[in-house]
Amino acid sequence: PARITYLKVCNFRALREVELADLTPLTVLLGPNGSGKS
């Protein structure tokens, strides 16, 4: 498969400027309710 290795999001709801670099084939998001996972 093609692989996503990097994601940058700006001005998307609470994601004012978020970078996820060096993404692994399995990436899991953890955090409190309302932290931005969804």
All heavy atoms as atom14 arrays in JSON, in Angstrom:
{
  "sequence": "PARITYLKVCNFRALREVELADLTPLTVLLGPNGSGKS",
  "atom14_mask": [
    [1, 1, 1, 1, 1, 1, 1, 0, 0, 0, 0, 0, 0, 0],
    [1, 1, 1, 1, 1, 0, 0, 0, 0, 0, 0, 0, 0, 0],
    [1, 1, 1, 1, 1, 1, 1, 1, 1, 1, 1, 0, 0, 0],
    [1, 1, 1, 1, 1, 1, 1, 1, 0, 0, 0, 0, 0, 0],
    [1, 1, 1, 1, 1, 1, 1, 0, 0, 0, 0, 0, 0, 0],
    [1, 1, 1, 1, 1, 1, 1, 1, 1, 1, 1, 1, 0, 0],
    [1, 1, 1, 1, 1, 1, 1, 1, 0, 0, 0, 0, 0, 0],
    [1, 1, 1, 1, 1, 1, 1, 1, 1, 0, 0, 0, 0, 0],
    [1, 1, 1, 1, 1, 1, 1, 0, 0, 0, 0, 0, 0, 0],
    [1, 1, 1, 1, 1, 1, 0, 0, 0, 0, 0, 0, 0, 0],
    [1, 1, 1, 1, 1, 1, 1, 1, 0, 0, 0, 0, 0, 0],
    [1, 1, 1, 1, 1, 1, 1, 1, 1, 1, 1, 0, 0, 0],
    [1, 1, 1, 1, 1, 1, 1, 1, 1, 1, 1, 0, 0, 0],
    [1, 1, 1, 1, 1, 0, 0, 0, 0, 0, 0, 0, 0, 0],
    [1, 1, 1, 1, 1, 1, 1, 1, 0, 0, 0, 0, 0, 0],
    [1, 1, 1, 1, 1, 1, 1, 1, 1, 1, 1, 0, 0, 0],
    [1, 1, 1, 1, 1, 1, 1, 1, 1, 0, 0, 0, 0, 0],
    [1, 1, 1, 1, 1, 1, 1, 0, 0, 0, 0, 0, 0, 0],
    [1, 1, 1, 1, 1, 1, 1, 1, 1, 0, 0, 0, 0, 0],
    [1, 1, 1, 1, 1, 1, 1, 1, 0, 0, 0, 0, 0, 0],
    [1, 1, 1, 1, 1, 0, 0, 0, 0, 0, 0, 0, 0, 0],
    [1, 1, 1, 1, 1, 1, 1, 1, 0, 0, 0, 0, 0, 0],
    [1, 1, 1, 1, 1, 1, 1, 1, 0, 0, 0, 0, 0, 0],
    [1, 1, 1, 1, 1, 1, 1, 0, 0, 0, 0, 0, 0, 0],
    [1, 1, 1, 1, 1, 1, 1, 0, 0, 0, 0, 0, 0, 0],
    [1, 1, 1, 1, 1, 1, 1, 1, 0, 0, 0, 0, 0, 0],
    [1, 1, 1, 1, 1, 1, 1, 0, 0, 0, 0, 0, 0, 0],
    [1, 1, 1, 1, 1, 1, 1, 0, 0, 0, 0, 0, 0, 0],
    [1, 1, 1, 1, 1, 1, 1, 1, 0, 0, 0, 0, 0, 0],
    [1, 1, 1, 1, 1, 1, 1, 1, 0, 0, 0, 0, 0, 0],
    [1, 1, 1, 1, 0, 0, 0, 0, 0, 0, 0, 0, 0, 0],
    [1, 1, 1, 1, 1, 1, 1, 0, 0, 0, 0, 0, 0, 0],
    [1, 1, 1, 1, 1, 1, 1, 1, 0, 0, 0, 0, 0, 0],
    [1, 1, 1, 1, 0, 0, 0, 0, 0, 0, 0, 0, 0, 0],
    [1, 1, 1, 1, 1, 1, 0, 0, 0, 0, 0, 0, 0, 0],
    [1, 1, 1, 1, 0, 0, 0, 0, 0, 0, 0, 0, 0, 0],
    [1, 1, 1, 1, 1, 1, 1, 1, 1, 0, 0, 0, 0, 0],
    [1, 1, 1, 1, 1, 1, 0, 0, 0, 0, 0, 0, 0, 0]
  ],
  "atom14_positions": [
    [[0.83, -1.21, 0.0], [0.0, 0.0, 0.0], [0.85, 1.26, 0.0], [2.02, 1.26, 0.41], [-0.77, -0.12, 1.32], [0.16, -0.87, 2.23], [0.89, -1.84, 1.33], [0.0, 0.0, 0.0], [0.0, 0.0, 0.0], [0.0, 0.0, 0.0], [0.0, 0.0, 0.0], [0.0, 0.0, 0.0], [0.0, 0.0, 0.0], [0.0, 0.0, 0.0]],
    [[0.26, 2.35, -0.48], [0.87, 3.66, -0.28], [0.82, 3.97, 1.21], [-0.09, 3.54, 1.92], [0.12, 4.72, -1.08], [0.0, 0.0, 0.0], [0.0, 0.0, 0.0], [0.0, 0.0, 0.0], [0.0, 0.0, 0.0], [0.0, 0.0, 0.0], [0.0, 0.0, 0.0], [0.0, 0.0, 0.0], [0.0, 0.0, 0.0], [0.0, 0.0, 0.0]],
    [[1.8, 4.72, 1.7], [1.87, 5.04, 3.13], [1.88, 6.55, 3.34], [2.63, 7.27, 2.69], [3.16, 4.47, 3.73], [3.29, 2.97, 3.68], [2.42, 2.29, 4.7], [2.78, 0.9, 4.89], [2.01, 0.01, 5.51], [0.84, 0.4, 6.01], [2.39, -1.24, 5.64], [0.0, 0.0, 0.0], [0.0, 0.0, 0.0], [0.0, 0.0, 0.0]],
    [[1.03, 7.0, 4.26], [1.08, 8.4, 4.69], [2.15, 8.5, 5.77], [2.11, 7.78, 6.77], [-0.28, 8.85, 5.25], [-1.37, 8.69, 4.2], [-0.21, 10.29, 5.73], [-2.77, 8.88, 4.74], [0.0, 0.0, 0.0], [0.0, 0.0, 0.0], [0.0, 0.0, 0.0], [0.0, 0.0, 0.0], [0.0, 0.0, 0.0], [0.0, 0.0, 0.0]],
    [[3.12, 9.38, 5.57], [4.21, 9.53, 6.54], [4.12, 10.82, 7.34], [4.82, 10.97, 8.34], [5.56, 9.5, 5.82], [5.65, 10.6, 4.91], [5.74, 8.2, 5.03], [0.0, 0.0, 0.0], [0.0, 0.0, 0.0], [0.0, 0.0, 0.0], [0.0, 0.0, 0.0], [0.0, 0.0, 0.0], [0.0, 0.0, 0.0], [0.0, 0.0, 0.0]],
    [[3.25, 11.74, 6.91], [3.23, 13.07, 7.54], [1.85, 13.7, 7.33], [1.24, 13.55, 6.27], [4.3, 13.94, 6.89], [4.32, 15.4, 7.3], [5.08, 15.83, 8.39], [3.61, 16.35, 6.57], [5.11, 17.17, 8.74], [3.64, 17.69, 6.92], [4.39, 18.09, 8.01], [4.43, 19.43, 8.36], [0.0, 0.0, 0.0], [0.0, 0.0, 0.0]],
    [[1.38, 14.39, 8.37], [0.13, 15.14, 8.29], [0.32, 16.48, 8.99], [0.83, 16.54, 10.1], [-1.01, 14.37, 8.97], [-2.32, 15.13, 9.16], [-3.03, 15.35, 7.82], [-3.25, 14.4, 10.13], [0.0, 0.0, 0.0], [0.0, 0.0, 0.0], [0.0, 0.0, 0.0], [0.0, 0.0, 0.0], [0.0, 0.0, 0.0], [0.0, 0.0, 0.0]],
    [[-0.08, 17.55, 8.32], [-0.11, 18.87, 8.94], [-1.48, 19.48, 8.7], [-1.97, 19.49, 7.56], [0.98, 19.78, 8.38], [1.0, 21.16, 9.05], [2.13, 22.04, 8.52], [2.15, 23.38, 9.23], [3.26, 24.25, 8.73], [0.0, 0.0, 0.0], [0.0, 0.0, 0.0], [0.0, 0.0, 0.0], [0.0, 0.0, 0.0], [0.0, 0.0, 0.0]],
    [[-2.1, 19.96, 9.77], [-3.44, 20.54, 9.69], [-3.4, 21.93, 10.33], [-2.86, 22.1, 11.43], [-4.47, 19.67, 10.42], [-5.87, 20.23, 10.21], [-4.41, 18.23, 9.94], [0.0, 0.0, 0.0], [0.0, 0.0, 0.0], [0.0, 0.0, 0.0], [0.0, 0.0, 0.0], [0.0, 0.0, 0.0], [0.0, 0.0, 0.0], [0.0, 0.0, 0.0]],
    [[-3.98, 22.92, 9.65], [-4.07, 24.27, 10.18], [-5.51, 24.77, 10.1], [-6.19, 24.58, 9.08], [-3.16, 25.23, 9.4], [-1.39, 24.87, 9.52], [0.0, 0.0, 0.0], [0.0, 0.0, 0.0], [0.0, 0.0, 0.0], [0.0, 0.0, 0.0], [0.0, 0.0, 0.0], [0.0, 0.0, 0.0], [0.0, 0.0, 0.0], [0.0, 0.0, 0.0]],
    [[-5.95, 25.39, 11.18], [-7.25, 26.06, 11.23], [-8.43, 25.12, 10.97], [-9.41, 25.51, 10.33], [-7.28, 27.25, 10.25], [-6.4, 28.38, 10.71], [-6.28, 28.65, 11.9], [-5.76, 29.06, 9.77], [0.0, 0.0, 0.0], [0.0, 0.0, 0.0], [0.0, 0.0, 0.0], [0.0, 0.0, 0.0], [0.0, 0.0, 0.0], [0.0, 0.0, 0.0]],
    [[-8.33, 23.91, 11.48], [-9.43, 22.94, 11.42], [-9.9, 22.73, 12.86], [-9.28, 22.0, 13.62], [-8.95, 21.63, 10.79], [-10.04, 20.66, 10.43], [-10.38, 20.46, 9.1], [-10.72, 19.93, 11.39], [-11.37, 19.54, 8.74], [-11.71, 19.03, 11.05], [-12.04, 18.83, 9.71], [0.0, 0.0, 0.0], [0.0, 0.0, 0.0], [0.0, 0.0, 0.0]],
    [[-10.98, 23.42, 13.23], [-11.49, 23.39, 14.6], [-10.36, 23.65, 15.6], [-9.69, 24.67, 15.52], [-12.22, 22.08, 14.86], [-13.44, 21.87, 13.95], [-14.37, 20.8, 14.51], [-15.49, 20.58, 13.61], [-15.68, 19.47, 12.89], [-14.84, 18.45, 13.02], [-16.71, 19.34, 12.09], [0.0, 0.0, 0.0], [0.0, 0.0, 0.0], [0.0, 0.0, 0.0]],
    [[-10.15, 22.74, 16.56], [-9.13, 22.98, 17.59], [-7.71, 22.74, 17.08], [-6.74, 23.0, 17.8], [-9.38, 22.1, 18.81], [0.0, 0.0, 0.0], [0.0, 0.0, 0.0], [0.0, 0.0, 0.0], [0.0, 0.0, 0.0], [0.0, 0.0, 0.0], [0.0, 0.0, 0.0], [0.0, 0.0, 0.0], [0.0, 0.0, 0.0], [0.0, 0.0, 0.0]],
    [[-7.58, 22.27, 15.84], [-6.25, 22.01, 15.28], [-5.74, 23.29, 14.61], [-5.76, 23.43, 13.39], [-6.32, 20.86, 14.27], [-7.03, 19.58, 14.73], [-7.0, 18.53, 13.63], [-6.39, 19.04, 16.01], [0.0, 0.0, 0.0], [0.0, 0.0, 0.0], [0.0, 0.0, 0.0], [0.0, 0.0, 0.0], [0.0, 0.0, 0.0], [0.0, 0.0, 0.0]],
    [[-5.28, 24.21, 15.43], [-4.79, 25.48, 14.88], [-3.55, 25.25, 14.04], [-3.41, 25.81, 12.96], [-4.48, 26.46, 16.02], [-4.09, 27.84, 15.52], [-3.84, 28.78, 16.68], [-3.64, 30.14, 16.23], [-3.41, 31.17, 17.04], [-3.34, 30.96, 18.37], [-3.24, 32.39, 16.57], [0.0, 0.0, 0.0], [0.0, 0.0, 0.0], [0.0, 0.0, 0.0]],
    [[-2.63, 24.45, 14.54], [-1.46, 24.04, 13.78], [-0.91, 22.76, 14.41], [-0.24, 22.82, 15.44], [-0.38, 25.12, 13.75], [0.81, 24.75, 12.87], [1.81, 25.88, 12.73], [1.53, 27.0, 13.2], [2.89, 25.63, 12.16], [0.0, 0.0, 0.0], [0.0, 0.0, 0.0], [0.0, 0.0, 0.0], [0.0, 0.0, 0.0], [0.0, 0.0, 0.0]],
    [[-1.21, 21.65, 13.81], [-0.82, 20.35, 14.34], [-0.05, 19.59, 13.27], [-0.51, 19.49, 12.13], [-2.05, 19.54, 14.81], [-1.67, 18.09, 15.09], [-2.67, 20.16, 16.05], [0.0, 0.0, 0.0], [0.0, 0.0, 0.0], [0.0, 0.0, 0.0], [0.0, 0.0, 0.0], [0.0, 0.0, 0.0], [0.0, 0.0, 0.0], [0.0, 0.0, 0.0]],
    [[1.08, 19.04, 13.65], [1.89, 18.21, 12.76], [2.03, 16.81, 13.35], [2.34, 16.67, 14.54], [3.28, 18.81, 12.56], [3.33, 20.03, 11.67], [4.75, 20.48, 11.43], [5.26, 21.28, 12.24], [5.37, 20.03, 10.43], [0.0, 0.0, 0.0], [0.0, 0.0, 0.0], [0.0, 0.0, 0.0], [0.0, 0.0, 0.0], [0.0, 0.0, 0.0]],
    [[1.82, 15.82, 12.55], [2.1, 14.44, 12.91], [3.15, 13.93, 11.93], [2.83, 13.59, 10.78], [0.84, 13.58, 12.84], [-0.35, 13.99, 13.71], [-1.52, 13.04, 13.5], [0.02, 14.04, 15.18], [0.0, 0.0, 0.0], [0.0, 0.0, 0.0], [0.0, 0.0, 0.0], [0.0, 0.0, 0.0], [0.0, 0.0, 0.0], [0.0, 0.0, 0.0]],
    [[4.4, 13.93, 12.36], [5.51, 13.53, 11.5], [5.88, 12.07, 11.79], [5.58, 11.53, 12.86], [6.71, 14.43, 11.72], [0.0, 0.0, 0.0], [0.0, 0.0, 0.0], [0.0, 0.0, 0.0], [0.0, 0.0, 0.0], [0.0, 0.0, 0.0], [0.0, 0.0, 0.0], [0.0, 0.0, 0.0], [0.0, 0.0, 0.0], [0.0, 0.0, 0.0]],
    [[6.53, 11.45, 10.83], [7.02, 10.07, 10.97], [5.89, 9.13, 11.42], [6.04, 8.35, 12.37], [8.18, 10.0, 11.97], [9.35, 10.87, 11.53], [9.67, 10.88, 10.34], [9.93, 11.56, 12.41], [0.0, 0.0, 0.0], [0.0, 0.0, 0.0], [0.0, 0.0, 0.0], [0.0, 0.0, 0.0], [0.0, 0.0, 0.0], [0.0, 0.0, 0.0]],
    [[4.77, 9.21, 10.71], [3.63, 8.36, 11.05], [3.98, 6.9, 10.84], [4.59, 6.53, 9.84], [2.42, 8.73, 10.2], [1.72, 10.05, 10.56], [0.68, 10.4, 9.52], [1.07, 9.96, 11.93], [0.0, 0.0, 0.0], [0.0, 0.0, 0.0], [0.0, 0.0, 0.0], [0.0, 0.0, 0.0], [0.0, 0.0, 0.0], [0.0, 0.0, 0.0]],
    [[3.59, 6.06, 11.79], [3.83, 4.63, 11.7], [2.65, 3.97, 10.99], [1.56, 4.55, 10.91], [3.98, 4.05, 13.12], [2.93, 4.55, 13.95], [5.31, 4.45, 13.73], [0.0, 0.0, 0.0], [0.0, 0.0, 0.0], [0.0, 0.0, 0.0], [0.0, 0.0, 0.0], [0.0, 0.0, 0.0], [0.0, 0.0, 0.0], [0.0, 0.0, 0.0]],
    [[2.82, 2.75, 10.47], [1.7, 2.07, 9.8], [0.47, 1.94, 10.7], [-0.66, 2.0, 10.21], [2.28, 0.7, 9.44], [3.74, 0.97, 9.26], [4.08, 2.0, 10.3], [0.0, 0.0, 0.0], [0.0, 0.0, 0.0], [0.0, 0.0, 0.0], [0.0, 0.0, 0.0], [0.0, 0.0, 0.0], [0.0, 0.0, 0.0], [0.0, 0.0, 0.0]],
    [[0.68, 1.75, 12.0], [-0.4, 1.81, 12.99], [-0.14, 3.02, 13.87], [0.87, 3.09, 14.56], [-0.44, 0.54, 13.84], [-1.38, 0.57, 15.06], [-2.82, 0.79, 14.64], [-1.24, -0.71, 15.89], [0.0, 0.0, 0.0], [0.0, 0.0, 0.0], [0.0, 0.0, 0.0], [0.0, 0.0, 0.0], [0.0, 0.0, 0.0], [0.0, 0.0, 0.0]],
    [[-1.05, 3.99, 13.82], [-0.94, 5.19, 14.65], [-2.16, 5.28, 15.53], [-3.3, 5.21, 15.04], [-0.82, 6.46, 13.78], [0.36, 6.39, 12.98], [-0.77, 7.7, 14.66], [0.0, 0.0, 0.0], [0.0, 0.0, 0.0], [0.0, 0.0, 0.0], [0.0, 0.0, 0.0], [0.0, 0.0, 0.0], [0.0, 0.0, 0.0], [0.0, 0.0, 0.0]],
    [[-1.95, 5.42, 16.84], [-3.04, 5.46, 17.81], [-3.02, 6.81, 18.53], [-1.97, 7.25, 19.0], [-2.92, 4.31, 18.82], [-4.04, 4.39, 19.86], [-2.99, 2.96, 18.1], [0.0, 0.0, 0.0], [0.0, 0.0, 0.0], [0.0, 0.0, 0.0], [0.0, 0.0, 0.0], [0.0, 0.0, 0.0], [0.0, 0.0, 0.0], [0.0, 0.0, 0.0]],
    [[-4.18, 7.46, 18.6], [-4.32, 8.76, 19.26], [-4.92, 8.56, 20.64], [-5.95, 7.92, 20.8], [-5.21, 9.68, 18.43], [-4.82, 9.87, 16.96], [-5.79, 10.83, 16.28], [-3.39, 10.38, 16.84], [0.0, 0.0, 0.0], [0.0, 0.0, 0.0], [0.0, 0.0, 0.0], [0.0, 0.0, 0.0], [0.0, 0.0, 0.0], [0.0, 0.0, 0.0]],
    [[-4.25, 9.15, 21.64], [-4.64, 9.02, 23.04], [-4.77, 10.41, 23.64], [-3.98, 11.3, 23.32], [-3.57, 8.22, 23.8], [-3.67, 8.14, 25.31], [-4.84, 7.26, 25.72], [-2.37, 7.62, 25.91], [0.0, 0.0, 0.0], [0.0, 0.0, 0.0], [0.0, 0.0, 0.0], [0.0, 0.0, 0.0], [0.0, 0.0, 0.0], [0.0, 0.0, 0.0]],
    [[-5.74, 10.61, 24.51], [-5.87, 11.89, 25.18], [-7.22, 12.03, 25.85], [-8.13, 11.21, 25.64], [0.0, 0.0, 0.0], [0.0, 0.0, 0.0], [0.0, 0.0, 0.0], [0.0, 0.0, 0.0], [0.0, 0.0, 0.0], [0.0, 0.0, 0.0], [0.0, 0.0, 0.0], [0.0, 0.0, 0.0], [0.0, 0.0, 0.0], [0.0, 0.0, 0.0]],
    [[-7.4, 13.09, 26.65], [-8.68, 13.32, 27.32], [-9.8, 13.58, 26.32], [-9.56, 13.85, 25.14], [-8.41, 14.57, 28.18], [-6.94, 14.69, 28.27], [-6.4, 14.11, 27.01], [0.0, 0.0, 0.0], [0.0, 0.0, 0.0], [0.0, 0.0, 0.0], [0.0, 0.0, 0.0], [0.0, 0.0, 0.0], [0.0, 0.0, 0.0], [0.0, 0.0, 0.0]],
    [[-11.04, 13.5, 26.8], [-12.17, 13.91, 25.97], [-11.98, 15.37, 25.56], [-11.59, 16.21, 26.36], [-13.48, 13.77, 26.75], [-13.79, 12.34, 27.1], [-13.69, 11.93, 28.25], [-14.17, 11.55, 26.12], [0.0, 0.0, 0.0], [0.0, 0.0, 0.0], [0.0, 0.0, 0.0], [0.0, 0.0, 0.0], [0.0, 0.0, 0.0], [0.0, 0.0, 0.0]],
    [[-12.26, 15.65, 24.3], [-12.15, 17.02, 23.81], [-10.74, 17.46, 23.49], [-10.51, 18.64, 23.21], [0.0, 0.0, 0.0], [0.0, 0.0, 0.0], [0.0, 0.0, 0.0], [0.0, 0.0, 0.0], [0.0, 0.0, 0.0], [0.0, 0.0, 0.0], [0.0, 0.0, 0.0], [0.0, 0.0, 0.0], [0.0, 0.0, 0.0], [0.0, 0.0, 0.0]],
    [[-9.79, 16.54, 23.48], [-8.39, 16.93, 23.23], [-8.09, 17.07, 21.75], [-7.06, 17.64, 21.38], [-7.44, 15.9, 23.85], [-7.66, 14.61, 23.31], [0.0, 0.0, 0.0], [0.0, 0.0, 0.0], [0.0, 0.0, 0.0], [0.0, 0.0, 0.0], [0.0, 0.0, 0.0], [0.0, 0.0, 0.0], [0.0, 0.0, 0.0], [0.0, 0.0, 0.0]],
    [[-8.96, 16.55, 20.87], [-8.75, 16.7, 19.43], [-8.58, 15.39, 18.68], [-8.35, 15.4, 17.47], [0.0, 0.0, 0.0], [0.0, 0.0, 0.0], [0.0, 0.0, 0.0], [0.0, 0.0, 0.0], [0.0, 0.0, 0.0], [0.0, 0.0, 0.0], [0.0, 0.0, 0.0], [0.0, 0.0, 0.0], [0.0, 0.0, 0.0], [0.0, 0.0, 0.0]],
    [[-8.72, 14.26, 19.38], [-8.55, 12.96, 18.71], [-9.57, 12.79, 17.58], [-9.2, 12.45, 16.45], [-8.69, 11.82, 19.72], [-7.72, 11.85, 20.88], [-7.87, 10.64, 21.78], [-9.27, 10.47, 22.35], [-9.7, 11.62, 23.18], [0.0, 0.0, 0.0], [0.0, 0.0, 0.0], [0.0, 0.0, 0.0], [0.0, 0.0, 0.0], [0.0, 0.0, 0.0]],
    [[-10.83, 13.01, 17.9], [-11.88, 12.85, 16.89], [-11.76, 13.88, 15.79], [-12.17, 13.63, 14.65], [-13.26, 12.93, 17.55], [-13.47, 11.84, 18.42], [0.0, 0.0, 0.0], [0.0, 0.0, 0.0], [0.0, 0.0, 0.0], [0.0, 0.0, 0.0], [0.0, 0.0, 0.0], [0.0, 0.0, 0.0], [0.0, 0.0, 0.0], [0.0, 0.0, 0.0]]
  ]
}
